[in-house]
Amino acid sequence: RTQLNNSLSLSPEEVTDLITSGAPYVIRFMWPLDTVVQFNDLIRGRIQ
C-alpha cells in the first residue's frame, strides 16, 4: 500500500489537490499488521 497511489505514499498537499480537483478516489480501511482477530459466533463457536 505504501507503493501505490494513495495518501500513504502522497504528501498531504498532493492529497488535498487531488480531492479538490475532483479526482476519483475511494477510502480504504488500513488493516493493522500482524493482527489476529478472535471472535465467538453463536452458531460456529470460537473463530480466529
All heavy atoms as atom14 arrays in JSON, in Angstrom:
{
  "sequence": "RTQLNNSLSLSPEEVTDLITSGAPYVIRFMWPLDTVVQFNDLIRGRIQ",
  "atom14_mask": [
    [1, 1, 1, 1, 1, 1, 1, 1, 1, 1, 1, 0, 0, 0],
    [1, 1, 1, 1, 1, 1, 1, 0, 0, 0, 0, 0, 0, 0],
    [1, 1, 1, 1, 1, 1, 1, 1, 1, 0, 0, 0, 0, 0],
    [1, 1, 1, 1, 1, 1, 1, 1, 0, 0, 0, 0, 0, 0],
    [1, 1, 1, 1, 1, 1, 1, 1, 0, 0, 0, 0, 0, 0],
    [1, 1, 1, 1, 1, 1, 1, 1, 0, 0, 0, 0, 0, 0],
    [1, 1, 1, 1, 1, 1, 0, 0, 0, 0, 0, 0, 0, 0],
    [1, 1, 1, 1, 1, 1, 1, 1, 0, 0, 0, 0, 0, 0],
    [1, 1, 1, 1, 1, 1, 0, 0, 0, 0, 0, 0, 0, 0],
    [1, 1, 1, 1, 1, 1, 1, 1, 0, 0, 0, 0, 0, 0],
    [1, 1, 1, 1, 1, 1, 0, 0, 0, 0, 0, 0, 0, 0],
    [1, 1, 1, 1, 1, 1, 1, 0, 0, 0, 0, 0, 0, 0],
    [1, 1, 1, 1, 1, 1, 1, 1, 1, 0, 0, 0, 0, 0],
    [1, 1, 1, 1, 1, 1, 1, 1, 1, 0, 0, 0, 0, 0],
    [1, 1, 1, 1, 1, 1, 1, 0, 0, 0, 0, 0, 0, 0],
    [1, 1, 1, 1, 1, 1, 1, 0, 0, 0, 0, 0, 0, 0],
    [1, 1, 1, 1, 1, 1, 1, 1, 0, 0, 0, 0, 0, 0],
    [1, 1, 1, 1, 1, 1, 1, 1, 0, 0, 0, 0, 0, 0],
    [1, 1, 1, 1, 1, 1, 1, 1, 0, 0, 0, 0, 0, 0],
    [1, 1, 1, 1, 1, 1, 1, 0, 0, 0, 0, 0, 0, 0],
    [1, 1, 1, 1, 1, 1, 0, 0, 0, 0, 0, 0, 0, 0],
    [1, 1, 1, 1, 0, 0, 0, 0, 0, 0, 0, 0, 0, 0],
    [1, 1, 1, 1, 1, 0, 0, 0, 0, 0, 0, 0, 0, 0],
    [1, 1, 1, 1, 1, 1, 1, 0, 0, 0, 0, 0, 0, 0],
    [1, 1, 1, 1, 1, 1, 1, 1, 1, 1, 1, 1, 0, 0],
    [1, 1, 1, 1, 1, 1, 1, 0, 0, 0, 0, 0, 0, 0],
    [1, 1, 1, 1, 1, 1, 1, 1, 0, 0, 0, 0, 0, 0],
    [1, 1, 1, 1, 1, 1, 1, 1, 1, 1, 1, 0, 0, 0],
    [1, 1, 1, 1, 1, 1, 1, 1, 1, 1, 1, 0, 0, 0],
    [1, 1, 1, 1, 1, 1, 1, 1, 0, 0, 0, 0, 0, 0],
    [1, 1, 1, 1, 1, 1, 1, 1, 1, 1, 1, 1, 1, 1],
    [1, 1, 1, 1, 1, 1, 1, 0, 0, 0, 0, 0, 0, 0],
    [1, 1, 1, 1, 1, 1, 1, 1, 0, 0, 0, 0, 0, 0],
    [1, 1, 1, 1, 1, 1, 1, 1, 0, 0, 0, 0, 0, 0],
    [1, 1, 1, 1, 1, 1, 1, 0, 0, 0, 0, 0, 0, 0],
    [1, 1, 1, 1, 1, 1, 1, 0, 0, 0, 0, 0, 0, 0],
    [1, 1, 1, 1, 1, 1, 1, 0, 0, 0, 0, 0, 0, 0],
    [1, 1, 1, 1, 1, 1, 1, 1, 1, 0, 0, 0, 0, 0],
    [1, 1, 1, 1, 1, 1, 1, 1, 1, 1, 1, 0, 0, 0],
    [1, 1, 1, 1, 1, 1, 1, 1, 0, 0, 0, 0, 0, 0],
    [1, 1, 1, 1, 1, 1, 1, 1, 0, 0, 0, 0, 0, 0],
    [1, 1, 1, 1, 1, 1, 1, 1, 0, 0, 0, 0, 0, 0],
    [1, 1, 1, 1, 1, 1, 1, 1, 0, 0, 0, 0, 0, 0],
    [1, 1, 1, 1, 1, 1, 1, 1, 1, 1, 1, 0, 0, 0],
    [1, 1, 1, 1, 0, 0, 0, 0, 0, 0, 0, 0, 0, 0],
    [1, 1, 1, 1, 1, 1, 1, 1, 1, 1, 1, 0, 0, 0],
    [1, 1, 1, 1, 1, 1, 1, 1, 0, 0, 0, 0, 0, 0],
    [1, 1, 1, 1, 1, 1, 1, 1, 1, 0, 0, 0, 0, 0]
  ],
  "atom14_positions": [
    [[0.8, -1.21, 0.0], [0.0, 0.0, 0.0], [0.84, 1.28, 0.0], [0.4, 2.31, -0.54], [-0.98, 0.0, 1.17], [-0.37, -0.1, 2.55], [-1.46, -0.41, 3.58], [-0.92, -0.66, 4.9], [-1.54, -1.39, 5.84], [-2.71, -1.92, 5.6], [-0.98, -1.56, 7.02], [0.0, 0.0, 0.0], [0.0, 0.0, 0.0], [0.0, 0.0, 0.0]],
    [[2.03, 1.24, 0.56], [2.85, 2.46, 0.57], [3.51, 2.73, -0.77], [4.09, 3.8, -0.97], [3.93, 2.37, 1.66], [4.71, 1.2, 1.45], [3.3, 2.34, 3.05], [0.0, 0.0, 0.0], [0.0, 0.0, 0.0], [0.0, 0.0, 0.0], [0.0, 0.0, 0.0], [0.0, 0.0, 0.0], [0.0, 0.0, 0.0], [0.0, 0.0, 0.0]],
    [[3.43, 1.77, -1.71], [3.99, 1.99, -3.04], [2.9, 2.3, -4.08], [3.19, 2.52, -5.26], [4.75, 0.74, -3.52], [6.09, 0.51, -2.85], [5.95, -0.15, -1.51], [5.27, -1.15, -1.38], [6.62, 0.4, -0.49], [0.0, 0.0, 0.0], [0.0, 0.0, 0.0], [0.0, 0.0, 0.0], [0.0, 0.0, 0.0], [0.0, 0.0, 0.0]],
    [[1.65, 2.36, -3.62], [0.55, 2.59, -4.55], [0.08, 4.04, -4.46], [0.57, 4.83, -3.65], [-0.6, 1.61, -4.24], [-0.21, 0.13, -4.45], [-1.31, -0.79, -3.93], [0.06, -0.15, -5.92], [0.0, 0.0, 0.0], [0.0, 0.0, 0.0], [0.0, 0.0, 0.0], [0.0, 0.0, 0.0], [0.0, 0.0, 0.0], [0.0, 0.0, 0.0]],
    [[-0.89, 4.37, -5.3], [-1.31, 5.76, -5.46], [-2.35, 6.13, -4.4], [-3.55, 6.17, -4.67], [-1.87, 5.95, -6.88], [-2.13, 7.41, -7.21], [-1.6, 8.31, -6.56], [-2.95, 7.65, -8.23], [0.0, 0.0, 0.0], [0.0, 0.0, 0.0], [0.0, 0.0, 0.0], [0.0, 0.0, 0.0], [0.0, 0.0, 0.0], [0.0, 0.0, 0.0]],
    [[-1.9, 6.42, -3.19], [-2.81, 6.72, -2.1], [-2.21, 7.72, -1.13], [-1.07, 8.16, -1.31], [-3.19, 5.42, -1.37], [-1.97, 4.66, -0.89], [-1.09, 5.22, -0.24], [-1.9, 3.37, -1.23], [0.0, 0.0, 0.0], [0.0, 0.0, 0.0], [0.0, 0.0, 0.0], [0.0, 0.0, 0.0], [0.0, 0.0, 0.0], [0.0, 0.0, 0.0]],
    [[-2.95, 8.08, -0.12], [-2.49, 9.12, 0.81], [-1.37, 8.65, 1.72], [-0.8, 9.45, 2.46], [-3.68, 9.6, 1.66], [-4.27, 8.53, 2.37], [0.0, 0.0, 0.0], [0.0, 0.0, 0.0], [0.0, 0.0, 0.0], [0.0, 0.0, 0.0], [0.0, 0.0, 0.0], [0.0, 0.0, 0.0], [0.0, 0.0, 0.0], [0.0, 0.0, 0.0]],
    [[-1.02, 7.38, 1.66], [0.12, 6.89, 2.43], [1.44, 7.16, 1.7], [2.49, 7.25, 2.33], [-0.03, 5.39, 2.7], [-1.29, 4.96, 3.45], [-1.33, 3.44, 3.59], [-1.36, 5.62, 4.82], [0.0, 0.0, 0.0], [0.0, 0.0, 0.0], [0.0, 0.0, 0.0], [0.0, 0.0, 0.0], [0.0, 0.0, 0.0], [0.0, 0.0, 0.0]],
    [[1.34, 7.25, 0.37], [2.56, 7.48, -0.43], [2.64, 8.92, -0.95], [3.7, 9.36, -1.41], [2.59, 6.51, -1.62], [1.45, 6.68, -2.45], [0.0, 0.0, 0.0], [0.0, 0.0, 0.0], [0.0, 0.0, 0.0], [0.0, 0.0, 0.0], [0.0, 0.0, 0.0], [0.0, 0.0, 0.0], [0.0, 0.0, 0.0], [0.0, 0.0, 0.0]],
    [[1.52, 9.65, -0.9], [1.49, 11.03, -1.38], [1.6, 12.0, -0.2], [1.27, 11.65, 0.95], [0.18, 11.29, -2.13], [-0.09, 10.42, -3.37], [-1.51, 10.65, -3.87], [0.93, 10.72, -4.47], [0.0, 0.0, 0.0], [0.0, 0.0, 0.0], [0.0, 0.0, 0.0], [0.0, 0.0, 0.0], [0.0, 0.0, 0.0], [0.0, 0.0, 0.0]],
    [[2.02, 13.22, -0.49], [2.09, 14.24, 0.55], [0.69, 14.76, 0.85], [-0.22, 14.63, 0.02], [2.96, 15.41, 0.09], [2.31, 16.11, -0.97], [0.0, 0.0, 0.0], [0.0, 0.0, 0.0], [0.0, 0.0, 0.0], [0.0, 0.0, 0.0], [0.0, 0.0, 0.0], [0.0, 0.0, 0.0], [0.0, 0.0, 0.0], [0.0, 0.0, 0.0]],
    [[0.49, 15.35, 2.02], [-0.83, 15.91, 2.35], [-1.29, 16.93, 1.32], [-2.49, 17.01, 1.02], [-0.61, 16.54, 3.73], [0.52, 15.76, 4.32], [1.42, 15.43, 3.17], [0.0, 0.0, 0.0], [0.0, 0.0, 0.0], [0.0, 0.0, 0.0], [0.0, 0.0, 0.0], [0.0, 0.0, 0.0], [0.0, 0.0, 0.0], [0.0, 0.0, 0.0]],
    [[-0.34, 17.71, 0.79], [-0.7, 18.72, -0.21], [-1.2, 18.05, -1.49], [-2.18, 18.51, -2.1], [0.51, 19.62, -0.52], [0.96, 20.51, 0.64], [1.74, 19.74, 1.7], [2.22, 18.61, 1.39], [1.83, 20.24, 2.84], [0.0, 0.0, 0.0], [0.0, 0.0, 0.0], [0.0, 0.0, 0.0], [0.0, 0.0, 0.0], [0.0, 0.0, 0.0]],
    [[-0.53, 16.98, -1.9], [-0.95, 16.27, -3.11], [-2.34, 15.66, -2.93], [-3.17, 15.69, -3.84], [0.07, 15.18, -3.44], [1.41, 15.71, -3.94], [2.42, 14.59, -4.14], [2.66, 13.81, -3.19], [2.97, 14.5, -5.25], [0.0, 0.0, 0.0], [0.0, 0.0, 0.0], [0.0, 0.0, 0.0], [0.0, 0.0, 0.0], [0.0, 0.0, 0.0]],
    [[-2.59, 15.13, -1.76], [-3.89, 14.53, -1.48], [-4.98, 15.59, -1.54], [-6.04, 15.41, -2.16], [-3.89, 13.84, -0.1], [-5.3, 13.41, 0.28], [-2.95, 12.65, -0.11], [0.0, 0.0, 0.0], [0.0, 0.0, 0.0], [0.0, 0.0, 0.0], [0.0, 0.0, 0.0], [0.0, 0.0, 0.0], [0.0, 0.0, 0.0], [0.0, 0.0, 0.0]],
    [[-4.7, 16.74, -0.92], [-5.68, 17.84, -0.93], [-5.96, 18.32, -2.34], [-7.12, 18.55, -2.73], [-5.18, 19.0, -0.07], [-4.98, 18.56, 1.28], [-6.18, 20.15, -0.07], [0.0, 0.0, 0.0], [0.0, 0.0, 0.0], [0.0, 0.0, 0.0], [0.0, 0.0, 0.0], [0.0, 0.0, 0.0], [0.0, 0.0, 0.0], [0.0, 0.0, 0.0]],
    [[-4.9, 18.47, -3.13], [-5.06, 18.93, -4.51], [-5.9, 17.94, -5.33], [-6.76, 18.35, -6.13], [-3.69, 19.12, -5.18], [-2.94, 20.32, -4.62], [-3.59, 21.17, -3.98], [-1.71, 20.39, -4.82], [0.0, 0.0, 0.0], [0.0, 0.0, 0.0], [0.0, 0.0, 0.0], [0.0, 0.0, 0.0], [0.0, 0.0, 0.0], [0.0, 0.0, 0.0]],
    [[-5.65, 16.67, -5.16], [-6.39, 15.66, -5.91], [-7.88, 15.69, -5.53], [-8.75, 15.64, -6.41], [-5.81, 14.27, -5.64], [-4.49, 13.92, -6.33], [-3.91, 12.64, -5.76], [-4.71, 13.79, -7.84], [0.0, 0.0, 0.0], [0.0, 0.0, 0.0], [0.0, 0.0, 0.0], [0.0, 0.0, 0.0], [0.0, 0.0, 0.0], [0.0, 0.0, 0.0]],
    [[-8.17, 15.78, -4.26], [-9.57, 15.81, -3.82], [-10.25, 17.08, -4.31], [-11.38, 17.05, -4.81], [-9.65, 15.71, -2.28], [-9.14, 14.33, -1.82], [-11.08, 15.92, -1.8], [-9.05, 14.17, -0.32], [0.0, 0.0, 0.0], [0.0, 0.0, 0.0], [0.0, 0.0, 0.0], [0.0, 0.0, 0.0], [0.0, 0.0, 0.0], [0.0, 0.0, 0.0]],
    [[-9.54, 18.21, -4.19], [-10.11, 19.49, -4.61], [-10.38, 19.51, -6.11], [-11.37, 20.09, -6.57], [-9.15, 20.64, -4.25], [-8.89, 20.61, -2.84], [-9.74, 21.99, -4.62], [0.0, 0.0, 0.0], [0.0, 0.0, 0.0], [0.0, 0.0, 0.0], [0.0, 0.0, 0.0], [0.0, 0.0, 0.0], [0.0, 0.0, 0.0], [0.0, 0.0, 0.0]],
    [[-9.51, 18.88, -6.87], [-9.67, 18.87, -8.33], [-10.74, 17.9, -8.81], [-11.06, 17.83, -10.0], [-8.34, 18.51, -9.0], [-7.97, 17.16, -8.7], [0.0, 0.0, 0.0], [0.0, 0.0, 0.0], [0.0, 0.0, 0.0], [0.0, 0.0, 0.0], [0.0, 0.0, 0.0], [0.0, 0.0, 0.0], [0.0, 0.0, 0.0], [0.0, 0.0, 0.0]],
    [[-11.32, 17.12, -7.88], [-12.38, 16.18, -8.25], [-11.87, 14.84, -8.73], [-12.62, 14.09, -9.37], [0.0, 0.0, 0.0], [0.0, 0.0, 0.0], [0.0, 0.0, 0.0], [0.0, 0.0, 0.0], [0.0, 0.0, 0.0], [0.0, 0.0, 0.0], [0.0, 0.0, 0.0], [0.0, 0.0, 0.0], [0.0, 0.0, 0.0], [0.0, 0.0, 0.0]],
    [[-10.63, 14.51, -8.44], [-10.08, 13.22, -8.84], [-10.86, 12.09, -8.14], [-11.15, 12.18, -6.95], [-8.6, 13.13, -8.48], [0.0, 0.0, 0.0], [0.0, 0.0, 0.0], [0.0, 0.0, 0.0], [0.0, 0.0, 0.0], [0.0, 0.0, 0.0], [0.0, 0.0, 0.0], [0.0, 0.0, 0.0], [0.0, 0.0, 0.0], [0.0, 0.0, 0.0]],
    [[-11.2, 11.05, -8.86], [-11.94, 9.94, -8.23], [-11.07, 9.22, -7.2], [-9.87, 9.09, -7.38], [-12.28, 9.03, -9.41], [-11.28, 9.37, -10.47], [-10.97, 10.82, -10.31], [0.0, 0.0, 0.0], [0.0, 0.0, 0.0], [0.0, 0.0, 0.0], [0.0, 0.0, 0.0], [0.0, 0.0, 0.0], [0.0, 0.0, 0.0], [0.0, 0.0, 0.0]],
    [[-11.69, 8.78, -6.14], [-10.95, 8.09, -5.09], [-11.89, 7.15, -4.34], [-13.12, 7.22, -4.46], [-10.33, 9.08, -4.11], [-11.35, 9.87, -3.31], [-11.87, 9.35, -2.11], [-11.81, 11.11, -3.74], [-12.81, 10.05, -1.37], [-12.75, 11.82, -3.01], [-13.25, 11.29, -1.83], [-14.2, 11.96, -1.1], [0.0, 0.0, 0.0], [0.0, 0.0, 0.0]],
    [[-11.28, 6.3, -3.57], [-12.01, 5.51, -2.58], [-11.28, 5.67, -1.27], [-10.14, 6.12, -1.23], [-12.08, 4.01, -2.96], [-12.85, 3.82, -4.26], [-10.69, 3.4, -3.06], [0.0, 0.0, 0.0], [0.0, 0.0, 0.0], [0.0, 0.0, 0.0], [0.0, 0.0, 0.0], [0.0, 0.0, 0.0], [0.0, 0.0, 0.0], [0.0, 0.0, 0.0]],
    [[-11.94, 5.32, -0.19], [-11.29, 5.31, 1.11], [-11.22, 3.88, 1.59], [-12.24, 3.18, 1.65], [-12.04, 6.19, 2.12], [-12.06, 7.65, 1.64], [-11.41, 6.08, 3.51], [-12.84, 8.59, 2.55], [0.0, 0.0, 0.0], [0.0, 0.0, 0.0], [0.0, 0.0, 0.0], [0.0, 0.0, 0.0], [0.0, 0.0, 0.0], [0.0, 0.0, 0.0]],
    [[-10.0, 3.44, 1.88], [-9.77, 2.06, 2.28], [-9.48, 1.95, 3.78], [-8.92, 2.86, 4.39], [-8.59, 1.46, 1.5], [-8.85, 1.27, 0.01], [-7.63, 0.68, -0.69], [-7.87, 0.42, -2.11], [-8.37, -0.7, -2.59], [-8.69, -1.69, -1.76], [-8.56, -0.85, -3.89], [0.0, 0.0, 0.0], [0.0, 0.0, 0.0], [0.0, 0.0, 0.0]],
    [[-9.87, 0.82, 4.33], [-9.53, 0.51, 5.72], [-8.06, 0.09, 5.79], [-7.59, -0.69, 4.97], [-10.41, -0.63, 6.23], [-10.17, -0.99, 7.66], [-10.57, -0.13, 8.67], [-9.56, -2.19, 8.0], [-10.35, -0.46, 10.01], [-9.34, -2.53, 9.33], [-9.74, -1.66, 10.34], [0.0, 0.0, 0.0], [0.0, 0.0, 0.0], [0.0, 0.0, 0.0]],
    [[-7.32, 0.61, 6.74], [-5.92, 0.25, 6.87], [-5.8, -0.88, 7.9], [-5.8, -0.65, 9.11], [-5.05, 1.44, 7.28], [-3.56, 1.09, 7.24], [-2.48, 2.53, 7.06], [-2.64, 3.26, 8.69], [0.0, 0.0, 0.0], [0.0, 0.0, 0.0], [0.0, 0.0, 0.0], [0.0, 0.0, 0.0], [0.0, 0.0, 0.0], [0.0, 0.0, 0.0]],
    [[-5.7, -2.09, 7.35], [-5.63, -3.25, 8.24], [-4.27, -3.25, 8.94], [-3.23, -3.23, 8.31], [-5.81, -4.52, 7.42], [-6.04, -5.69, 8.32], [-5.09, -6.47, 8.86], [-7.29, -6.14, 8.82], [-5.67, -7.41, 9.68], [-7.02, -7.23, 9.67], [-8.61, -5.73, 8.65], [-8.03, -7.93, 10.34], [-9.61, -6.43, 9.31], [-9.32, -7.5, 10.14]],
    [[-4.27, -3.32, 10.29], [-3.01, -3.28, 11.04], [-2.19, -4.56, 10.86], [-2.75, -5.66, 10.79], [-3.47, -3.11, 12.49], [-4.87, -3.62, 12.52], [-5.45, -3.35, 11.17], [0.0, 0.0, 0.0], [0.0, 0.0, 0.0], [0.0, 0.0, 0.0], [0.0, 0.0, 0.0], [0.0, 0.0, 0.0], [0.0, 0.0, 0.0], [0.0, 0.0, 0.0]],
    [[-0.92, -4.4, 10.76], [-0.01, -5.52, 10.54], [0.02, -6.45, 11.76], [-0.07, -6.0, 12.9], [1.4, -4.99, 10.26], [2.49, -6.0, 9.92], [2.16, -6.76, 8.64], [3.84, -5.29, 9.78], [0.0, 0.0, 0.0], [0.0, 0.0, 0.0], [0.0, 0.0, 0.0], [0.0, 0.0, 0.0], [0.0, 0.0, 0.0], [0.0, 0.0, 0.0]],
    [[0.12, -7.75, 11.47], [0.26, -8.78, 12.5], [-0.89, -8.76, 13.51], [-0.68, -8.92, 14.73], [1.6, -8.65, 13.23], [2.79, -8.85, 12.31], [2.65, -9.61, 11.32], [3.86, -8.25, 12.57], [0.0, 0.0, 0.0], [0.0, 0.0, 0.0], [0.0, 0.0, 0.0], [0.0, 0.0, 0.0], [0.0, 0.0, 0.0], [0.0, 0.0, 0.0]],
    [[-2.09, -8.57, 12.99], [-3.26, -8.56, 13.85], [-4.02, -9.88, 13.73], [-4.28, -10.36, 12.62], [-4.22, -7.41, 13.47], [-3.55, -6.17, 13.65], [-5.47, -7.43, 14.34], [0.0, 0.0, 0.0], [0.0, 0.0, 0.0], [0.0, 0.0, 0.0], [0.0, 0.0, 0.0], [0.0, 0.0, 0.0], [0.0, 0.0, 0.0], [0.0, 0.0, 0.0]],
    [[-4.35, -10.45, 14.86], [-5.17, -11.67, 14.9], [-6.52, -11.31, 15.51], [-6.57, -10.78, 16.63], [-4.49, -12.77, 15.72], [-5.39, -14.0, 15.81], [-3.14, -13.14, 15.12], [0.0, 0.0, 0.0], [0.0, 0.0, 0.0], [0.0, 0.0, 0.0], [0.0, 0.0, 0.0], [0.0, 0.0, 0.0], [0.0, 0.0, 0.0], [0.0, 0.0, 0.0]],
    [[-7.58, -11.57, 14.78], [-8.92, -11.24, 15.25], [-9.57, -12.52, 15.77], [-9.62, -13.53, 15.07], [-9.79, -10.64, 14.13], [-11.18, -10.31, 14.65], [-9.12, -9.39, 13.57], [0.0, 0.0, 0.0], [0.0, 0.0, 0.0], [0.0, 0.0, 0.0], [0.0, 0.0, 0.0], [0.0, 0.0, 0.0], [0.0, 0.0, 0.0], [0.0, 0.0, 0.0]],
    [[-10.05, -12.46, 16.99], [-10.74, -13.6, 17.58], [-12.15, -13.17, 17.95], [-12.37, -12.08, 18.47], [-10.01, -14.09, 18.83], [-8.6, -14.57, 18.56], [-7.95, -15.15, 19.8], [-8.62, -15.65, 20.7], [-6.63, -15.1, 19.87], [0.0, 0.0, 0.0], [0.0, 0.0, 0.0], [0.0, 0.0, 0.0], [0.0, 0.0, 0.0], [0.0, 0.0, 0.0]],
    [[-13.08, -14.04, 17.66], [-14.47, -13.72, 17.99], [-15.25, -15.0, 18.18], [-14.82, -16.09, 17.77], [-15.12, -12.85, 16.9], [-14.82, -13.3, 15.5], [-15.54, -14.3, 14.89], [-13.78, -12.69, 14.79], [-15.26, -14.7, 13.6], [-13.49, -13.09, 13.49], [-14.23, -14.11, 12.89], [0.0, 0.0, 0.0], [0.0, 0.0, 0.0], [0.0, 0.0, 0.0]],
    [[-16.4, -14.87, 18.82], [-17.25, -16.02, 19.09], [-18.52, -15.9, 18.28], [-19.22, -14.89, 18.34], [-17.59, -16.1, 20.58], [-18.4, -17.34, 20.91], [-17.92, -18.45, 20.78], [-19.64, -17.15, 21.33], [0.0, 0.0, 0.0], [0.0, 0.0, 0.0], [0.0, 0.0, 0.0], [0.0, 0.0, 0.0], [0.0, 0.0, 0.0], [0.0, 0.0, 0.0]],
    [[-18.8, -16.92, 17.5], [-20.04, -16.98, 16.74], [-21.03, -17.87, 17.5], [-20.67, -18.95, 17.97], [-19.76, -17.55, 15.35], [-20.98, -17.51, 14.45], [-21.83, -18.42, 14.57], [-21.1, -16.58, 13.64], [0.0, 0.0, 0.0], [0.0, 0.0, 0.0], [0.0, 0.0, 0.0], [0.0, 0.0, 0.0], [0.0, 0.0, 0.0], [0.0, 0.0, 0.0]],
    [[-22.25, -17.4, 17.65], [-23.24, -18.13, 18.46], [-23.59, -19.49, 17.87], [-24.15, -20.34, 18.57], [-24.51, -17.28, 18.61], [-24.34, -15.99, 19.41], [-25.63, -15.17, 19.39], [-23.94, -16.3, 20.84], [0.0, 0.0, 0.0], [0.0, 0.0, 0.0], [0.0, 0.0, 0.0], [0.0, 0.0, 0.0], [0.0, 0.0, 0.0], [0.0, 0.0, 0.0]],
    [[-23.28, -19.7, 16.59], [-23.55, -20.99, 15.95], [-22.27, -21.78, 15.76], [-22.22, -22.99, 16.0], [-24.26, -20.77, 14.59], [-25.64, -20.16, 14.81], [-24.36, -22.08, 13.81], [-26.34, -19.72, 13.54], [0.0, 0.0, 0.0], [0.0, 0.0, 0.0], [0.0, 0.0, 0.0], [0.0, 0.0, 0.0], [0.0, 0.0, 0.0], [0.0, 0.0, 0.0]],
    [[-21.19, -21.11, 15.38], [-19.96, -21.79, 14.99], [-18.88, -21.81, 16.06], [-17.82, -22.42, 15.88], [-19.42, -21.15, 13.7], [-20.39, -21.35, 12.57], [-20.22, -20.39, 11.43], [-21.41, -20.42, 10.62], [-21.7, -21.36, 9.73], [-20.87, -22.36, 9.53], [-22.82, -21.32, 9.04], [0.0, 0.0, 0.0], [0.0, 0.0, 0.0], [0.0, 0.0, 0.0]],
    [[-19.12, -21.11, 17.15], [-18.15, -21.12, 18.23], [-16.99, -20.16, 18.0], [-17.11, -19.16, 17.29], [0.0, 0.0, 0.0], [0.0, 0.0, 0.0], [0.0, 0.0, 0.0], [0.0, 0.0, 0.0], [0.0, 0.0, 0.0], [0.0, 0.0, 0.0], [0.0, 0.0, 0.0], [0.0, 0.0, 0.0], [0.0, 0.0, 0.0], [0.0, 0.0, 0.0]],
    [[-15.85, -20.49, 18.57], [-14.67, -19.61, 18.53], [-14.03, -19.64, 17.14], [-13.77, -20.7, 16.57], [-13.64, -20.06, 19.56], [-12.63, -18.99, 19.93], [-13.28, -17.9, 20.73], [-12.32, -16.87, 21.13], [-12.68, -15.69, 21.6], [-13.96, -15.38, 21.7], [-11.79, -14.79, 21.96], [0.0, 0.0, 0.0], [0.0, 0.0, 0.0], [0.0, 0.0, 0.0]],
    [[-13.76, -18.46, 16.6], [-13.13, -18.33, 15.29], [-11.95, -17.37, 15.41], [-12.02, -16.36, 16.11], [-14.14, -17.8, 14.24], [-15.32, -18.76, 14.09], [-13.46, -17.61, 12.88], [-16.42, -18.25, 13.17], [0.0, 0.0, 0.0], [0.0, 0.0, 0.0], [0.0, 0.0, 0.0], [0.0, 0.0, 0.0], [0.0, 0.0, 0.0], [0.0, 0.0, 0.0]],
    [[-10.87, -17.69, 14.72], [-9.66, -16.87, 14.74], [-9.19, -16.61, 13.32], [-9.1, -17.52, 12.51], [-8.57, -17.58, 15.55], [-7.27, -16.81, 15.68], [-6.31, -17.49, 16.63], [-6.51, -17.52, 17.84], [-5.25, -18.07, 16.08], [0.0, 0.0, 0.0], [0.0, 0.0, 0.0], [0.0, 0.0, 0.0], [0.0, 0.0, 0.0], [0.0, 0.0, 0.0]]
  ]
}
